[in-house]
Every structure is written in structure tokens, then in C-alpha cells.
Protein backbone atom coordinates (compact mmCIF):
# COMPACT_ATOMS: atom_id res chain seq x y z
CA MET A 1 42.75 82.46 224.91
CA ILE A 2 44.72 82.32 221.66
CA TYR A 3 45.57 78.87 220.33
CA ILE A 4 48.77 78.43 218.32
CA SER A 5 49.85 75.28 216.52
CA THR A 6 53.63 75.12 216.20
CA LYS A 7 56.62 72.81 216.35
CA ILE A 8 59.04 72.32 219.22
CA GLU A 9 62.51 73.51 218.20
CA LYS A 10 64.43 72.17 221.17
CA ILE A 11 64.01 70.77 224.68
CA LEU A 12 66.78 71.51 227.17
CA GLU A 13 66.60 69.35 230.27
CA GLN A 14 67.57 71.06 233.52
CA GLY A 15 67.33 68.62 236.39
CA ASP A 16 63.70 67.84 237.12
CA GLN A 17 62.57 70.64 234.75
CA ALA A 18 63.13 71.55 231.11
CA VAL A 19 63.24 74.59 228.86
CA VAL A 20 61.07 74.18 225.74
CA MET A 21 61.88 76.35 222.71
CA LEU A 22 58.99 77.05 220.33
CA ARG A 23 58.92 78.93 217.03
CA ILE A 24 55.92 81.26 216.67
CA PRO A 25 54.95 83.94 214.10
CA GLY A 26 56.59 87.32 214.64
CA GLN A 27 53.24 89.09 214.88
CA MET A 28 52.18 86.74 217.66
CA ALA A 29 55.39 87.41 219.53
CA GLU A 30 54.74 91.15 219.22
CA LEU A 31 51.21 90.62 220.50
CA MET A 32 52.53 88.77 223.55
CA SER A 33 54.98 91.58 224.17
CA ARG A 34 52.27 94.24 223.90
CA ARG A 35 50.09 92.39 226.38
CA ARG A 36 53.08 91.80 228.65
CA CYS A 37 52.40 88.09 228.78
CA THR A 38 54.51 86.33 231.39
CA GLU A 39 52.77 82.96 231.29
CA VAL A 40 51.50 80.69 228.54
CA GLN A 41 49.51 77.48 228.64
CA LEU A 42 51.07 74.51 226.85
CA ALA A 43 48.63 71.84 225.73
CA VAL A 44 49.88 68.47 224.52
CA GLU A 45 47.52 66.47 222.32
CA ASP A 46 47.11 63.32 224.36
CA GLY A 47 44.07 61.82 222.67
CA ARG A 48 41.61 62.78 225.41
CA LEU A 49 38.06 62.36 224.20
CA ILE A 50 35.38 65.03 223.89
CA SER A 51 34.31 66.29 227.33
CA PRO A 52 30.72 66.33 228.63
CA VAL A 53 30.79 70.14 228.59
CA GLN A 54 31.87 70.19 224.95
CA ARG A 55 29.18 67.68 224.05
CA ARG A 56 26.53 69.83 225.80
CA LYS A 57 27.68 72.96 223.96
CA GLY A 58 27.70 71.15 220.63
CA TYR A 59 24.23 69.65 220.93
CA ALA A 60 22.72 72.85 222.35
CA THR A 61 23.98 74.74 219.30
CA LEU A 62 22.81 71.97 216.98
CA ARG A 63 19.31 72.28 218.49
CA ASP A 64 19.34 76.00 217.74
CA ILE A 65 20.46 75.30 214.17
CA SER A 66 17.72 72.66 213.91
CA ASN A 67 15.05 75.15 214.98
CA TYR A 68 16.42 77.74 212.56
CA THR A 69 16.66 75.48 209.50
CA GLY A 70 13.69 73.18 210.11
CA TYR A 71 15.87 70.06 209.97
CA THR A 72 15.86 67.52 212.77
CA VAL A 73 18.77 67.69 215.19
CA GLU A 74 20.27 64.52 213.69
CA ALA A 75 19.92 65.85 210.14
CA ALA A 76 21.44 69.18 211.16
CA LYS A 77 24.32 67.33 212.82
CA GLU A 78 25.14 65.37 209.66
CA ILE A 79 24.97 68.49 207.51
CA MET A 80 27.26 70.39 209.88
CA LYS A 81 29.71 67.48 209.88
CA VAL A 82 30.04 67.88 206.11
CA GLU A 83 30.35 71.66 206.54
CA HIS A 84 33.08 71.09 209.12
CA MET A 85 34.97 68.71 206.86
CA LEU A 86 34.93 71.30 204.06
CA ARG A 87 35.92 74.10 206.45
CA THR A 88 38.89 72.26 207.91
CA GLY A 89 39.98 70.40 204.77
CA GLY A 90 39.47 67.01 206.38
CA ASN A 91 38.73 63.82 204.48
CA GLU A 92 36.39 62.05 206.89
CA LEU A 93 33.34 62.94 208.97
CA LEU A 94 33.72 63.68 212.65
CA SER A 95 32.15 61.42 215.28
CA LEU A 96 30.88 63.17 218.40
CA ARG A 97 31.09 59.89 220.28
CA ASP A 98 34.83 59.44 220.21
CA CYS A 99 36.49 62.56 218.76
CA THR A 100 39.29 64.25 220.70
CA MET A 101 38.85 67.42 222.73
CA THR A 102 40.76 69.37 220.07
CA GLU A 103 38.53 68.02 217.29
CA ALA A 104 35.43 68.85 219.37
CA ARG A 105 36.67 72.40 219.88
CA GLU A 106 37.10 72.87 216.13
CA PHE A 107 33.65 71.42 215.43
CA ILE A 108 32.09 73.87 217.90
CA ASN A 109 33.96 76.65 216.06
CA THR A 110 32.29 75.48 212.85
CA LEU A 111 28.85 75.54 214.50
CA MET A 112 29.44 79.01 215.92
CA GLU A 113 30.69 80.35 212.61
CA TYR A 114 27.59 79.02 210.85
CA ALA A 115 25.30 80.63 213.44
CA LEU A 116 27.08 83.99 213.22
CA LYS A 117 27.23 83.96 209.43
CA GLU A 118 23.51 83.16 209.16
CA GLY A 119 22.53 85.71 211.80
CA LEU A 120 21.14 82.97 214.04
CA VAL A 121 20.68 84.36 217.56
CA LEU A 122 21.27 81.47 219.96
CA THR A 123 19.08 80.72 222.97
CA GLU A 124 21.97 81.75 225.20
CA SER A 125 25.01 83.98 224.72
CA GLY A 126 27.63 82.67 222.34
CA LEU A 127 30.09 83.25 225.17
CA MET A 128 28.44 80.30 226.91
CA ARG A 129 28.58 78.12 223.80
CA THR A 130 32.06 78.70 222.45
CA ASP A 131 34.95 76.47 223.47
CA ASP A 132 37.48 78.86 221.91
CA ILE A 133 36.85 82.45 223.00
CA ASP A 134 39.56 83.93 220.78
CA THR A 135 38.19 82.40 217.57
CA TYR A 136 34.65 83.35 218.60
CA LEU A 137 35.55 87.03 219.09
CA ILE A 138 37.23 87.09 215.67
CA GLN A 139 34.21 85.44 214.04
CA CYS A 140 31.88 88.01 215.63
CA ILE A 141 33.91 90.82 214.05
CA ARG A 142 34.00 89.08 210.66
CA TYR A 143 30.26 88.60 210.52
CA ARG A 144 29.27 91.76 212.40
CA ARG A 145 27.48 90.03 215.26
CA CYS A 146 27.56 91.19 218.86
CA CYS A 147 29.88 88.97 220.88
CA ILE A 148 27.61 89.37 223.91
CA CYS A 149 24.12 88.76 222.53
CA GLY A 150 24.51 87.80 218.85
CA ARG A 151 22.50 90.72 217.46
CA PRO A 152 23.69 92.81 214.48
CA ALA A 153 26.80 94.70 215.56
CA GLU A 154 28.93 97.71 214.90
CA ILE A 155 32.65 97.92 215.51
CA HIS A 156 33.84 99.26 218.84
CA HIS A 157 37.31 100.78 218.55
CA VAL A 158 39.16 99.86 221.72
CA ASP A 159 42.18 101.84 220.53
CA ALA A 160 40.84 105.11 219.16
CA ILE A 161 42.78 106.69 216.29
CA GLY A 162 41.97 110.19 217.49
CA MET A 163 39.65 112.93 216.33
CA GLY A 164 40.71 114.70 213.18
CA ARG A 165 43.14 112.01 212.00
CA ASP A 166 42.60 110.37 208.61
CA ARG A 167 42.05 106.63 209.13
CA ARG A 168 43.16 105.99 205.57
CA ARG A 169 46.64 107.29 206.42
CA VAL A 170 47.06 105.71 209.83
CA ASP A 171 48.35 102.14 210.31
CA ASP A 172 45.73 100.78 212.68
CA SER A 173 46.48 97.10 212.01
CA ARG A 174 47.50 96.60 215.63
CA ASN A 175 44.62 98.54 217.11
CA GLU A 176 42.06 96.44 218.97
CA VAL A 177 38.38 96.28 218.01
CA ALA A 178 35.30 94.36 219.14
CA ALA A 179 31.87 93.62 217.65
CA LEU A 180 29.07 95.04 219.81
CA CYS A 181 25.40 95.77 219.18
CA ARG A 182 24.15 99.31 219.76
CA LEU A 183 23.10 98.51 223.34
CA HIS A 184 26.32 96.83 224.40
CA HIS A 185 28.38 99.42 222.50
CA THR A 186 26.70 102.12 224.58
CA ILE A 187 27.35 100.15 227.78
CA ALA A 188 31.02 99.80 226.82
CA HIS A 189 31.33 103.58 226.48
CA GLN A 190 29.42 104.24 229.69
CA LYS A 191 31.40 101.84 231.85
CA GLY A 192 34.75 102.13 230.13
CA TRP A 193 36.45 99.29 228.31
CA GLN A 194 38.32 97.80 231.26
CA GLN A 195 35.18 97.49 233.36
CA PHE A 196 33.25 96.16 230.37
CA MET A 197 35.91 93.47 229.80
CA ASP A 198 35.79 92.44 233.44
CA LEU A 199 31.98 92.31 233.39
CA TYR A 200 31.55 90.19 230.24
CA ARG A 201 34.95 88.43 230.09
CA VAL A 202 35.72 89.64 226.57
CA TYR A 203 38.61 91.57 225.05
CA GLY A 204 39.57 93.41 221.87
CA ILE A 205 41.09 91.74 218.81
CA GLU A 206 43.95 93.29 216.83
CA ARG A 207 42.80 94.23 213.35
CA PHE A 208 45.66 92.40 211.60
CA ARG A 209 44.28 89.13 212.97
CA ILE A 210 40.92 89.55 211.24
CA LYS A 211 40.68 88.01 207.80
CA GLY A 212 37.78 87.06 205.55
CA GLY A 213 34.10 87.57 206.35
CA LYS A 214 32.98 91.20 206.20
CA GLU A 215 36.27 92.64 207.48
CA ALA A 216 36.88 94.82 204.45
CA VAL A 217 34.28 97.53 205.11
CA THR A 218 34.31 101.29 205.09
CA ASP A 219 34.62 103.44 208.20
CA GLU A 220 30.99 104.50 207.74
CA GLN A 221 29.90 100.86 207.91
CA GLU A 222 32.01 100.33 211.02
CA ASP A 223 30.22 103.11 212.86
CA SER A 224 26.69 101.98 212.02
CA CYS A 225 24.74 98.80 212.55
CA GLY A 226 22.68 99.52 209.46
CA GLY A 227 19.09 98.58 208.71
CA ASP A 228 19.52 95.09 210.12
CA GLN A 229 20.15 96.54 213.59
CA LYS A 230 17.22 98.96 213.31
CA ALA A 231 14.95 96.09 212.38
CA ALA A 232 16.18 94.13 215.37
CA ASP A 233 15.55 97.09 217.67
CA ASN A 234 11.90 97.15 216.60
CA THR A 235 11.29 93.50 217.51
């Protein structure tokens, strides 16, 4: 799911219902048109506190970070709170006791980004840990980590440019890609992308939505996992 923060332009009451007019970026509108979206989910920030599921995901990931860094879980939590504050531009530390569901979701995004950036393979799939699948899939592409298992990844081109065409001269900004390790990349080709999506509940991300991280790489790098993947295959 893609989360968009925007302002309400107008509310037109029609009996016991209402029409809500929102202003969204043009690229997002084009994306919705391409995917033939007919329904959207509107979430109103109502101050609901962090859910038990979010708390479990957060602490499970903190335990993995603790094992990776050697810090205690509590120490790792405090360090990641500071990391989160810097990442989001906040001016106070988050409290996992009474933060809102939205704040908890963003904190989990921070934890997941740290794990992916550091190459930390979690004790379960990141798909089970994330509370924001769209952001997670983008982060996996940025840091070249398989969205299924967390191992070093290569880029799977959901929308192929076509054999013989020069990628440097083709606008592929709206083509979809995904980060998959060699094993899951092979499975994606064997099963076909639609079946792969249905099996793992993932989807491709348009290239124009990927910024930062390791996004700016050559085509040769996109088609190879590199030495890091080979090392992982030997373990």
C-alpha cells in the first residue's frame, strides 16, 4: 500500500454521504491510472496508540539489531530512537509506550531501513516485520537487498525494455522493478511475475519513485549481485 500525506481541498456533503476532494502529486495520479485503481483507503489520524502487532514487530527487529551490534535491546532501542529523530527531522524522542500508530509505523520504517542498509538479515522475512510494505519495497531496491529474504539482491525488471534497445536512450522511469536475490530472481522468472506476486504478496516499484541509497547504478550492476551475493551463496 502507498501512503500519501495531503490536504483536503473540499468536502461536499450529499445527504448521508460526502464527496472528499484531495490534491495529490501528478505522478501519483498517473500511477493510480496505470494500475486502474478504483478504490482508495482513507485514514484519518485519530490518535490511536501503537498496536500490539506493531509493538511486536518493533521489538523483534530491535532484538535482531541488538544481536547484530552487540548492544542490549534497551541500548539499541535508545540509539534507534535518536536515528529515527534524525531521519524524520523530529525534535523529541519517540516513546513506544504511548506513540500513535502512524508514529509507530514510521519508527518501524527506520528500523527496517537500518537493517537493510547494514545488510542485517533478520530472523524472519522483512515482509513479516514491515508495517508499510510500499516503503519496505523501495528501501530494498535502494539498498540492494532481497525483499523476500534480505540477502544481497539484483534488480528484477518487471517491465522489460526489450532486447537490442539502448537503456540509455529509453525513458524507463515508469517501468517497475524489484530487488530479488539470485534464488528468488530465478523463481520469479520460472513462475512468471504475476504468480510470483501472488505467492509472496509483493509488487514492482516504478523507477521514478526510487531516490537515494544505491539507486544510481549502472546496468551491469543491476544485472549482477556482485561478490557480496557470491559470498552469501557459499555460506
